[in-house]
Amino acid sequence: MTRYAGVLQNTVTRALCQWTGAQFGRYRASLQLWIGRNGVVRQARVLSGTGDARRDEALAGVLSGLIMDAPPPADLPQPVTIVLAPRPDPRTDCRLAGAAG
């Protein structure tokens, strides 16, 4: 899982940076992701929202269907829980993930 955590972080960060509605790095939320053997997120569910119901619904929509940079290991426990946390410098995070931000 440790090695795949980097794949998750980079793929999710890039997707949220590319989606203008995400305002990446400016809120806290936790989500569960179910990732298929092919690396496609089959389902995303918000556990703890951002405080904005529309954003929460859109977050789940953006992450559902997302194609990970690599397929998960066969023994990856599902669902995967991720936490999106406020970031001190979201633009740098987006740039490092390969997105404009």
PDB file of N, CA and C in Angstrom:
ATOM      1  N   MET A   1       0.831  -1.200   0.000  1.00  0.00           N
ATOM      2  CA  MET A   1       0.000   0.000   0.000  1.00  0.00           C
ATOM      3  C   MET A   1       0.865   1.250   0.000  1.00  0.00           C
ATOM      4  N   THR A   2       1.985   1.226   0.711  1.00  0.00           N
ATOM      5  CA  THR A   2       2.822   2.417   0.810  1.00  0.00           C
ATOM      6  C   THR A   2       3.246   2.913  -0.566  1.00  0.00           C
ATOM      7  N   ARG A   3       3.669   2.013  -1.422  1.00  0.00           N
ATOM      8  CA  ARG A   3       4.085   2.396  -2.768  1.00  0.00           C
ATOM      9  C   ARG A   3       2.896   2.942  -3.566  1.00  0.00           C
ATOM     10  N   TYR A   4       1.749   2.331  -3.407  1.00  0.00           N
ATOM     11  CA  TYR A   4       0.574   2.769  -4.161  1.00  0.00           C
ATOM     12  C   TYR A   4       0.010   4.084  -3.627  1.00  0.00           C
ATOM     13  N   ALA A   5       0.302   4.418  -2.392  1.00  0.00           N
ATOM     14  CA  ALA A   5      -0.167   5.686  -1.822  1.00  0.00           C
ATOM     15  C   ALA A   5       0.324   6.866  -2.653  1.00  0.00           C
ATOM     16  N   GLY A   6       1.541   6.788  -3.159  1.00  0.00           N
ATOM     17  CA  GLY A   6       2.072   7.853  -4.002  1.00  0.00           C
ATOM     18  C   GLY A   6       1.308   7.977  -5.310  1.00  0.00           C
ATOM     19  N   VAL A   7       0.924   6.835  -5.882  1.00  0.00           N
ATOM     20  CA  VAL A   7       0.124   6.835  -7.114  1.00  0.00           C
ATOM     21  C   VAL A   7      -1.219   7.505  -6.838  1.00  0.00           C
ATOM     22  N   LEU A   8      -1.853   7.122  -5.735  1.00  0.00           N
ATOM     23  CA  LEU A   8      -3.137   7.717  -5.350  1.00  0.00           C
ATOM     24  C   LEU A   8      -3.012   9.223  -5.175  1.00  0.00           C
ATOM     25  N   GLN A   9      -2.020   9.635  -4.398  1.00  0.00           N
ATOM     26  CA  GLN A   9      -1.857  11.059  -4.104  1.00  0.00           C
ATOM     27  C   GLN A   9      -1.635  11.863  -5.382  1.00  0.00           C
ATOM     28  N   ASN A  10      -0.747  11.406  -6.236  1.00  0.00           N
ATOM     29  CA  ASN A  10      -0.431  12.154  -7.449  1.00  0.00           C
ATOM     30  C   ASN A  10      -1.622  12.206  -8.404  1.00  0.00           C
ATOM     31  N   THR A  11      -2.294  11.076  -8.600  1.00  0.00           N
ATOM     32  CA  THR A  11      -3.422  11.035  -9.536  1.00  0.00           C
ATOM     33  C   THR A  11      -4.580  11.897  -9.045  1.00  0.00           C
ATOM     34  N   VAL A  12      -4.929  11.774  -7.768  1.00  0.00           N
ATOM     35  CA  VAL A  12      -6.040  12.548  -7.212  1.00  0.00           C
ATOM     36  C   VAL A  12      -5.695  14.037  -7.207  1.00  0.00           C
ATOM     37  N   THR A  13      -4.481  14.378  -6.795  1.00  0.00           N
ATOM     38  CA  THR A  13      -4.071  15.787  -6.782  1.00  0.00           C
ATOM     39  C   THR A  13      -4.171  16.388  -8.180  1.00  0.00           C
ATOM     40  N   ARG A  14      -3.636  15.702  -9.170  1.00  0.00           N
ATOM     41  CA  ARG A  14      -3.672  16.211 -10.539  1.00  0.00           C
ATOM     42  C   ARG A  14      -5.119  16.405 -11.009  1.00  0.00           C
ATOM     43  N   ALA A  15      -5.987  15.425 -10.735  1.00  0.00           N
ATOM     44  CA  ALA A  15      -7.392  15.523 -11.163  1.00  0.00           C
ATOM     45  C   ALA A  15      -8.088  16.712 -10.506  1.00  0.00           C
ATOM     46  N   LEU A  16      -7.853  16.912  -9.218  1.00  0.00           N
ATOM     47  CA  LEU A  16      -8.512  18.015  -8.519  1.00  0.00           C
ATOM     48  C   LEU A  16      -7.925  19.362  -8.918  1.00  0.00           C
ATOM     49  N   CYS A  17      -6.647  19.403  -9.219  1.00  0.00           N
ATOM     50  CA  CYS A  17      -6.036  20.655  -9.685  1.00  0.00           C
ATOM     51  C   CYS A  17      -6.579  21.045 -11.060  1.00  0.00           C
ATOM     52  N   GLN A  18      -6.837  20.067 -11.902  1.00  0.00           N
ATOM     53  CA  GLN A  18      -7.342  20.341 -13.251  1.00  0.00           C
ATOM     54  C   GLN A  18      -8.814  20.726 -13.244  1.00  0.00           C
ATOM     55  N   TRP A  19      -9.531  20.343 -12.208  1.00  0.00           N
ATOM     56  CA  TRP A  19     -10.949  20.682 -12.091  1.00  0.00           C
ATOM     57  C   TRP A  19     -11.060  22.003 -11.345  1.00  0.00           C
ATOM     58  N   THR A  20     -11.482  23.047 -12.026  1.00  0.00           N
ATOM     59  CA  THR A  20     -11.505  24.384 -11.428  1.00  0.00           C
ATOM     60  C   THR A  20     -12.443  24.490 -10.231  1.00  0.00           C
ATOM     61  N   GLY A  21     -13.521  23.710 -10.206  1.00  0.00           N
ATOM     62  CA  GLY A  21     -14.457  23.767  -9.094  1.00  0.00           C
ATOM     63  C   GLY A  21     -13.920  23.185  -7.801  1.00  0.00           C
ATOM     64  N   ALA A  22     -12.817  22.466  -7.885  1.00  0.00           N
ATOM     65  CA  ALA A  22     -12.291  21.788  -6.704  1.00  0.00           C
ATOM     66  C   ALA A  22     -11.670  22.743  -5.705  1.00  0.00           C
ATOM     67  N   GLN A  23     -11.118  23.851  -6.178  1.00  0.00           N
ATOM     68  CA  GLN A  23     -10.364  24.755  -5.306  1.00  0.00           C
ATOM     69  C   GLN A  23      -9.412  23.934  -4.448  1.00  0.00           C
ATOM     70  N   PHE A  24      -8.605  23.132  -5.125  1.00  0.00           N
ATOM     71  CA  PHE A  24      -7.703  22.202  -4.453  1.00  0.00           C
ATOM     72  C   PHE A  24      -6.912  22.872  -3.336  1.00  0.00           C
ATOM     73  N   GLY A  25      -6.827  22.175  -2.216  1.00  0.00           N
ATOM     74  CA  GLY A  25      -6.003  22.609  -1.098  1.00  0.00           C
ATOM     75  C   GLY A  25      -6.616  23.653  -0.198  1.00  0.00           C
ATOM     76  N   ARG A  26      -7.901  23.930  -0.357  1.00  0.00           N
ATOM     77  CA  ARG A  26      -8.528  24.993   0.425  1.00  0.00           C
ATOM     78  C   ARG A  26      -9.635  24.491   1.357  1.00  0.00           C
ATOM     79  N   TYR A  27      -9.714  23.190   1.582  1.00  0.00           N
ATOM     80  CA  TYR A  27     -10.750  22.612   2.436  1.00  0.00           C
ATOM     81  C   TYR A  27     -10.295  21.241   2.917  1.00  0.00           C
ATOM     82  N   ARG A  28     -11.083  20.688   3.819  1.00  0.00           N
ATOM     83  CA  ARG A  28     -10.819  19.347   4.335  1.00  0.00           C
ATOM     84  C   ARG A  28     -12.015  18.468   3.996  1.00  0.00           C
ATOM     85  N   ALA A  29     -11.728  17.240   3.578  1.00  0.00           N
ATOM     86  CA  ALA A  29     -12.780  16.259   3.288  1.00  0.00           C
ATOM     87  C   ALA A  29     -12.155  14.876   3.326  1.00  0.00           C
ATOM     88  N   SER A  30     -12.959  13.880   3.609  1.00  0.00           N
ATOM     89  CA  SER A  30     -12.485  12.497   3.507  1.00  0.00           C
ATOM     90  C   SER A  30     -13.457  11.733   2.613  1.00  0.00           C
ATOM     91  N   LEU A  31     -12.875  10.844   1.812  1.00  0.00           N
ATOM     92  CA  LEU A  31     -13.658  10.069   0.852  1.00  0.00           C
ATOM     93  C   LEU A  31     -13.188   8.630   0.838  1.00  0.00           C
ATOM     94  N   GLN A  32     -14.081   7.751   0.419  1.00  0.00           N
ATOM     95  CA  GLN A  32     -13.724   6.359   0.166  1.00  0.00           C
ATOM     96  C   GLN A  32     -13.745   6.139  -1.335  1.00  0.00           C
ATOM     97  N   LEU A  33     -12.725   5.422  -1.828  1.00  0.00           N
ATOM     98  CA  LEU A  33     -12.631   5.095  -3.246  1.00  0.00           C
ATOM     99  C   LEU A  33     -12.578   3.585  -3.411  1.00  0.00           C
ATOM    100  N   TRP A  34     -13.350   3.082  -4.354  1.00  0.00           N
ATOM    101  CA  TRP A  34     -13.279   1.681  -4.754  1.00  0.00           C
ATOM    102  C   TRP A  34     -12.596   1.671  -6.116  1.00  0.00           C
ATOM    103  N   ILE A  35     -11.430   1.058  -6.189  1.00  0.00           N
ATOM    104  CA  ILE A  35     -10.615   1.091  -7.399  1.00  0.00           C
ATOM    105  C   ILE A  35     -10.594  -0.297  -8.029  1.00  0.00           C
ATOM    106  N   GLY A  36     -10.985  -0.371  -9.291  1.00  0.00           N
ATOM    107  CA  GLY A  36     -10.993  -1.640 -10.007  1.00  0.00           C
ATOM    108  C   GLY A  36      -9.584  -2.119 -10.323  1.00  0.00           C
ATOM    109  N   ARG A  37      -9.476  -3.374 -10.688  1.00  0.00           N
ATOM    110  CA  ARG A  37      -8.168  -3.963 -11.030  1.00  0.00           C
ATOM    111  C   ARG A  37      -7.494  -3.241 -12.188  1.00  0.00           C
ATOM    112  N   ASN A  38      -8.296  -2.563 -13.014  1.00  0.00           N
ATOM    113  CA  ASN A  38      -7.761  -1.824 -14.155  1.00  0.00           C
ATOM    114  C   ASN A  38      -7.314  -0.406 -13.785  1.00  0.00           C
ATOM    115  N   GLY A  39      -7.489  -0.021 -12.512  1.00  0.00           N
ATOM    116  CA  GLY A  39      -7.063   1.297 -12.055  1.00  0.00           C
ATOM    117  C   GLY A  39      -8.122   2.374 -12.169  1.00  0.00           C
ATOM    118  N   VAL A  40      -9.333   2.003 -12.544  1.00  0.00           N
ATOM    119  CA  VAL A  40     -10.420   2.978 -12.664  1.00  0.00           C
ATOM    120  C   VAL A  40     -11.206   3.018 -11.353  1.00  0.00           C
ATOM    121  N   VAL A  41     -11.461   4.224 -10.851  1.00  0.00           N
ATOM    122  CA  VAL A  41     -12.263   4.375  -9.633  1.00  0.00           C
ATOM    123  C   VAL A  41     -13.709   4.047  -9.990  1.00  0.00           C
ATOM    124  N   ARG A  42     -14.211   2.961  -9.427  1.00  0.00           N
ATOM    125  CA  ARG A  42     -15.574   2.507  -9.712  1.00  0.00           C
ATOM    126  C   ARG A  42     -16.610   3.299  -8.930  1.00  0.00           C
ATOM    127  N   GLN A  43     -16.216   3.759  -7.741  1.00  0.00           N
ATOM    128  CA  GLN A  43     -17.148   4.504  -6.896  1.00  0.00           C
ATOM    129  C   GLN A  43     -16.347   5.398  -5.963  1.00  0.00           C
ATOM    130  N   ALA A  44     -16.875   6.578  -5.698  1.00  0.00           N
ATOM    131  CA  ALA A  44     -16.295   7.490  -4.712  1.00  0.00           C
ATOM    132  C   ALA A  44     -17.427   7.959  -3.807  1.00  0.00           C
ATOM    133  N   ARG A  45     -17.176   7.913  -2.507  1.00  0.00           N
ATOM    134  CA  ARG A  45     -18.212   8.307  -1.551  1.00  0.00           C
ATOM    135  C   ARG A  45     -17.611   9.254  -0.524  1.00  0.00           C
ATOM    136  N   VAL A  46     -18.277  10.367  -0.280  1.00  0.00           N
ATOM    137  CA  VAL A  46     -17.822  11.346   0.706  1.00  0.00           C
ATOM    138  C   VAL A  46     -18.168  10.829   2.099  1.00  0.00           C
ATOM    139  N   LEU A  47     -17.163  10.763   2.960  1.00  0.00           N
ATOM    140  CA  LEU A  47     -17.380  10.380   4.360  1.00  0.00           C
ATOM    141  C   LEU A  47     -17.597  11.617   5.217  1.00  0.00           C
ATOM    142  N   SER A  48     -16.721  12.581   5.057  1.00  0.00           N
ATOM    143  CA  SER A  48     -16.778  13.832   5.798  1.00  0.00           C
ATOM    144  C   SER A  48     -16.599  14.951   4.783  1.00  0.00           C
ATOM    145  N   GLY A  49     -17.620  15.769   4.635  1.00  0.00           N
ATOM    146  CA  GLY A  49     -17.629  16.758   3.565  1.00  0.00           C
ATOM    147  C   GLY A  49     -16.884  18.044   3.854  1.00  0.00           C
ATOM    148  N   THR A  50     -16.884  18.898   2.845  1.00  0.00           N
ATOM    149  CA  THR A  50     -16.172  20.171   2.880  1.00  0.00           C
ATOM    150  C   THR A  50     -16.982  21.269   3.551  1.00  0.00           C
ATOM    151  N   GLY A  51     -18.263  21.008   3.776  1.00  0.00           N
ATOM    152  CA  GLY A  51     -19.152  22.043   4.280  1.00  0.00           C
ATOM    153  C   GLY A  51     -19.998  22.653   3.167  1.00  0.00           C
ATOM    154  N   ASP A  52     -19.733  22.236   1.943  1.00  0.00           N
ATOM    155  CA  ASP A  52     -20.474  22.708   0.774  1.00  0.00           C
ATOM    156  C   ASP A  52     -21.018  21.466   0.059  1.00  0.00           C
ATOM    157  N   ALA A  53     -22.310  21.224   0.191  1.00  0.00           N
ATOM    158  CA  ALA A  53     -22.919  20.001  -0.348  1.00  0.00           C
ATOM    159  C   ALA A  53     -22.718  19.864  -1.855  1.00  0.00           C
ATOM    160  N   ARG A  54     -22.780  20.972  -2.577  1.00  0.00           N
ATOM    161  CA  ARG A  54     -22.571  20.906  -4.032  1.00  0.00           C
ATOM    162  C   ARG A  54     -21.142  20.483  -4.360  1.00  0.00           C
ATOM    163  N   ARG A  55     -20.186  21.052  -3.649  1.00  0.00           N
ATOM    164  CA  ARG A  55     -18.789  20.672  -3.887  1.00  0.00           C
ATOM    165  C   ARG A  55     -18.581  19.207  -3.547  1.00  0.00           C
ATOM    166  N   ASP A  56     -19.165  18.751  -2.431  1.00  0.00           N
ATOM    167  CA  ASP A  56     -19.009  17.351  -2.027  1.00  0.00           C
ATOM    168  C   ASP A  56     -19.535  16.408  -3.108  1.00  0.00           C
ATOM    169  N   GLU A  57     -20.706  16.719  -3.634  1.00  0.00           N
ATOM    170  CA  GLU A  57     -21.294  15.888  -4.686  1.00  0.00           C
ATOM    171  C   GLU A  57     -20.411  15.913  -5.934  1.00  0.00           C
ATOM    172  N   ALA A  58     -19.910  17.081  -6.274  1.00  0.00           N
ATOM    173  CA  ALA A  58     -19.048  17.208  -7.451  1.00  0.00           C
ATOM    174  C   ALA A  58     -17.718  16.484  -7.251  1.00  0.00           C
ATOM    175  N   LEU A  59     -17.166  16.538  -6.034  1.00  0.00           N
ATOM    176  CA  LEU A  59     -15.917  15.820  -5.740  1.00  0.00           C
ATOM    177  C   LEU A  59     -16.081  14.331  -6.015  1.00  0.00           C
ATOM    178  N   ALA A  60     -17.164  13.768  -5.490  1.00  0.00           N
ATOM    179  CA  ALA A  60     -17.419  12.341  -5.709  1.00  0.00           C
ATOM    180  C   ALA A  60     -17.575  12.055  -7.197  1.00  0.00           C
ATOM    181  N   GLY A  61     -18.215  12.965  -7.918  1.00  0.00           N
ATOM    182  CA  GLY A  61     -18.394  12.780  -9.349  1.00  0.00           C
ATOM    183  C   GLY A  61     -17.092  12.843 -10.124  1.00  0.00           C
ATOM    184  N   VAL A  62     -16.229  13.780  -9.754  1.00  0.00           N
ATOM    185  CA  VAL A  62     -14.933  13.918 -10.438  1.00  0.00           C
ATOM    186  C   VAL A  62     -14.059  12.693 -10.186  1.00  0.00           C
ATOM    187  N   LEU A  63     -14.091  12.179  -8.963  1.00  0.00           N
ATOM    188  CA  LEU A  63     -13.227  11.045  -8.635  1.00  0.00           C
ATOM    189  C   LEU A  63     -13.785   9.716  -9.151  1.00  0.00           C
ATOM    190  N   SER A  64     -15.105   9.609  -9.285  1.00  0.00           N
ATOM    191  CA  SER A  64     -15.688   8.391  -9.869  1.00  0.00           C
ATOM    192  C   SER A  64     -15.314   8.354 -11.345  1.00  0.00           C
ATOM    193  N   GLY A  65     -14.739   7.264 -11.766  1.00  0.00           N
ATOM    194  CA  GLY A  65     -14.318   7.138 -13.158  1.00  0.00           C
ATOM    195  C   GLY A  65     -12.889   7.585 -13.409  1.00  0.00           C
ATOM    196  N   LEU A  66     -12.251   8.164 -12.396  1.00  0.00           N
ATOM    197  CA  LEU A  66     -10.861   8.596 -12.530  1.00  0.00           C
ATOM    198  C   LEU A  66      -9.974   7.387 -12.828  1.00  0.00           C
ATOM    199  N   ILE A  67      -9.045   7.554 -13.738  1.00  0.00           N
ATOM    200  CA  ILE A  67      -8.110   6.480 -14.074  1.00  0.00           C
ATOM    201  C   ILE A  67      -6.797   6.744 -13.348  1.00  0.00           C
ATOM    202  N   MET A  68      -6.438   5.845 -12.450  1.00  0.00           N
ATOM    203  CA  MET A  68      -5.189   5.982 -11.707  1.00  0.00           C
ATOM    204  C   MET A  68      -3.994   5.842 -12.646  1.00  0.00           C
ATOM    205  N   ASP A  69      -2.876   6.411 -12.249  1.00  0.00           N
ATOM    206  CA  ASP A  69      -1.655   6.330 -13.055  1.00  0.00           C
ATOM    207  C   ASP A  69      -1.155   4.896 -13.199  1.00  0.00           C
ATOM    208  N   ALA A  70      -1.566   4.025 -12.294  1.00  0.00           N
ATOM    209  CA  ALA A  70      -1.190   2.607 -12.338  1.00  0.00           C
ATOM    210  C   ALA A  70      -2.313   1.815 -11.679  1.00  0.00           C
ATOM    211  N   PRO A  71      -2.518   0.574 -12.105  1.00  0.00           N
ATOM    212  CA  PRO A  71      -3.532  -0.247 -11.442  1.00  0.00           C
ATOM    213  C   PRO A  71      -3.087  -0.574 -10.018  1.00  0.00           C
ATOM    214  N   PRO A  72      -4.043  -0.832  -9.139  1.00  0.00           N
ATOM    215  CA  PRO A  72      -3.687  -1.133  -7.754  1.00  0.00           C
ATOM    216  C   PRO A  72      -3.108  -2.538  -7.621  1.00  0.00           C
ATOM    217  N   PRO A  73      -2.333  -2.765  -6.557  1.00  0.00           N
ATOM    218  CA  PRO A  73      -1.887  -4.132  -6.299  1.00  0.00           C
ATOM    219  C   PRO A  73      -3.109  -5.008  -6.004  1.00  0.00           C
ATOM    220  N   ALA A  74      -3.014  -6.268  -6.330  1.00  0.00           N
ATOM    221  CA  ALA A  74      -4.141  -7.194  -6.163  1.00  0.00           C
ATOM    222  C   ALA A  74      -4.619  -7.274  -4.716  1.00  0.00           C
ATOM    223  N   ASP A  75      -3.716  -7.063  -3.768  1.00  0.00           N
ATOM    224  CA  ASP A  75      -4.080  -7.197  -2.354  1.00  0.00           C
ATOM    225  C   ASP A  75      -4.451  -5.864  -1.694  1.00  0.00           C
ATOM    226  N   LEU A  76      -4.722  -4.823  -2.489  1.00  0.00           N
ATOM    227  CA  LEU A  76      -5.084  -3.526  -1.919  1.00  0.00           C
ATOM    228  C   LEU A  76      -6.440  -3.629  -1.228  1.00  0.00           C
ATOM    229  N   PRO A  77      -6.501  -3.334   0.081  1.00  0.00           N
ATOM    230  CA  PRO A  77      -7.792  -3.367   0.776  1.00  0.00           C
ATOM    231  C   PRO A  77      -8.732  -2.306   0.188  1.00  0.00           C
ATOM    232  N   GLN A  78      -9.984  -2.690   0.022  1.00  0.00           N
ATOM    233  CA  GLN A  78     -10.987  -1.783  -0.538  1.00  0.00           C
ATOM    234  C   GLN A  78     -12.114  -1.588   0.463  1.00  0.00           C
ATOM    235  N   PRO A  79     -12.711  -0.428   0.554  1.00  0.00           N
ATOM    236  CA  PRO A  79     -12.352   0.785  -0.163  1.00  0.00           C
ATOM    237  C   PRO A  79     -11.107   1.436   0.427  1.00  0.00           C
ATOM    238  N   VAL A  80     -10.512   2.323  -0.353  1.00  0.00           N
ATOM    239  CA  VAL A  80      -9.367   3.108   0.093  1.00  0.00           C
ATOM    240  C   VAL A  80      -9.924   4.420   0.635  1.00  0.00           C
ATOM    241  N   THR A  81      -9.496   4.812   1.819  1.00  0.00           N
ATOM    242  CA  THR A  81      -9.933   6.080   2.395  1.00  0.00           C
ATOM    243  C   THR A  81      -8.854   7.127   2.170  1.00  0.00           C
ATOM    244  N   ILE A  82      -9.265   8.271   1.638  1.00  0.00           N
ATOM    245  CA  ILE A  82      -8.326   9.374   1.432  1.00  0.00           C
ATOM    246  C   ILE A  82      -8.821  10.598   2.186  1.00  0.00           C
ATOM    247  N   VAL A  83      -7.891  11.428   2.611  1.00  0.00           N
ATOM    248  CA  VAL A  83      -8.214  12.682   3.281  1.00  0.00           C
ATOM    249  C   VAL A  83      -7.626  13.814   2.457  1.00  0.00           C
ATOM    250  N   LEU A  84      -8.475  14.755   2.104  1.00  0.00           N
ATOM    251  CA  LEU A  84      -8.037  15.969   1.421  1.00  0.00           C
ATOM    252  C   LEU A  84      -7.923  17.040   2.494  1.00  0.00           C
ATOM    253  N   ALA A  85      -6.741  17.595   2.656  1.00  0.00           N
ATOM    254  CA  ALA A  85      -6.498  18.560   3.723  1.00  0.00           C
ATOM    255  C   ALA A  85      -6.064  19.898   3.144  1.00  0.00           C
ATOM    256  N   PRO A  86      -6.337  20.990   3.871  1.00  0.00           N
ATOM    257  CA  PRO A  86      -5.848  22.291   3.415  1.00  0.00           C
ATOM    258  C   PRO A  86      -4.327  22.253   3.252  1.00  0.00           C
ATOM    259  N   ARG A  87      -3.842  22.910   2.218  1.00  0.00           N
ATOM    260  CA  ARG A  87      -2.416  22.908   1.890  1.00  0.00           C
ATOM    261  C   ARG A  87      -1.874  24.330   1.968  1.00  0.00           C
ATOM    262  N   PRO A  88      -0.639  24.495   2.445  1.00  0.00           N
ATOM    263  CA  PRO A  88      -0.073  25.843   2.531  1.00  0.00           C
ATOM    264  C   PRO A  88       0.211  26.464   1.161  1.00  0.00           C
ATOM    265  N   ASP A  89       0.516  25.635   0.166  1.00  0.00           N
ATOM    266  CA  ASP A  89       0.853  26.145  -1.165  1.00  0.00           C
ATOM    267  C   ASP A  89       0.264  25.232  -2.244  1.00  0.00           C
ATOM    268  N   PRO A  90      -1.061  25.313  -2.460  1.00  0.00           N
ATOM    269  CA  PRO A  90      -1.714  24.423  -3.422  1.00  0.00           C
ATOM    270  C   PRO A  90      -1.146  24.516  -4.837  1.00  0.00           C
ATOM    271  N   ARG A  91      -0.714  25.687  -5.258  1.00  0.00           N
ATOM    272  CA  ARG A  91      -0.188  25.834  -6.625  1.00  0.00           C
ATOM    273  C   ARG A  91       1.064  24.992  -6.831  1.00  0.00           C
ATOM    274  N   THR A  92       1.928  24.972  -5.835  1.00  0.00           N
ATOM    275  CA  THR A  92       3.134  24.145  -5.937  1.00  0.00           C
ATOM    276  C   THR A  92       2.758  22.670  -5.972  1.00  0.00           C
ATOM    277  N   ASP A  93       1.816  22.259  -5.125  1.00  0.00           N
ATOM    278  CA  ASP A  93       1.357  20.863  -5.134  1.00  0.00           C
ATOM    279  C   ASP A  93       0.822  20.490  -6.513  1.00  0.00           C
ATOM    280  N   CYS A  94       0.043  21.379  -7.110  1.00  0.00           N
ATOM    281  CA  CYS A  94      -0.518  21.114  -8.437  1.00  0.00           C
ATOM    282  C   CYS A  94       0.592  21.013  -9.479  1.00  0.00           C
ATOM    283  N   ARG A  95       1.548  21.903  -9.401  1.00  0.00           N
ATOM    284  CA  ARG A  95       2.655  21.872 -10.361  1.00  0.00           C
ATOM    285  C   ARG A  95       3.438  20.570 -10.230  1.00  0.00           C
ATOM    286  N   LEU A  96       3.716  20.146  -9.007  1.00  0.00           N
ATOM    287  CA  LEU A  96       4.463  18.905  -8.780  1.00  0.00           C
ATOM    288  C   LEU A  96       3.690  17.676  -9.253  1.00  0.00           C
ATOM    289  N   ALA A  97       2.362  17.753  -9.216  1.00  0.00           N
ATOM    290  CA  ALA A  97       1.529  16.632  -9.669  1.00  0.00           C
ATOM    291  C   ALA A  97       1.338  16.645 -11.184  1.00  0.00           C
ATOM    292  N   GLY A  98       1.861  17.669 -11.837  1.00  0.00           N
ATOM    293  CA  GLY A  98       1.757  17.738 -13.296  1.00  0.00           C
ATOM    294  C   GLY A  98       0.508  18.433 -13.787  1.00  0.00           C
ATOM    295  N   ALA A  99      -0.063  19.303 -12.946  1.00  0.00           N
ATOM    296  CA  ALA A  99      -1.265  20.044 -13.328  1.00  0.00           C
ATOM    297  C   ALA A  99      -1.015  21.535 -13.135  1.00  0.00           C
ATOM    298  N   ALA A 100      -1.792  22.330 -13.804  1.00  0.00           N
ATOM    299  CA  ALA A 100      -1.602  23.779 -13.748  1.00  0.00           C
ATOM    300  C   ALA A 100      -2.010  24.375 -12.410  1.00  0.00           C
ATOM    301  N   GLY A 101      -3.163  23.931 -11.843  1.00  0.00           N
ATOM    302  CA  GLY A 101      -3.641  24.439 -10.572  1.00  0.00           C
ATOM    303  C   GLY A 101      -4.119  25.822 -10.671  1.00  0.00           C
TER     304      GLY A 101
END
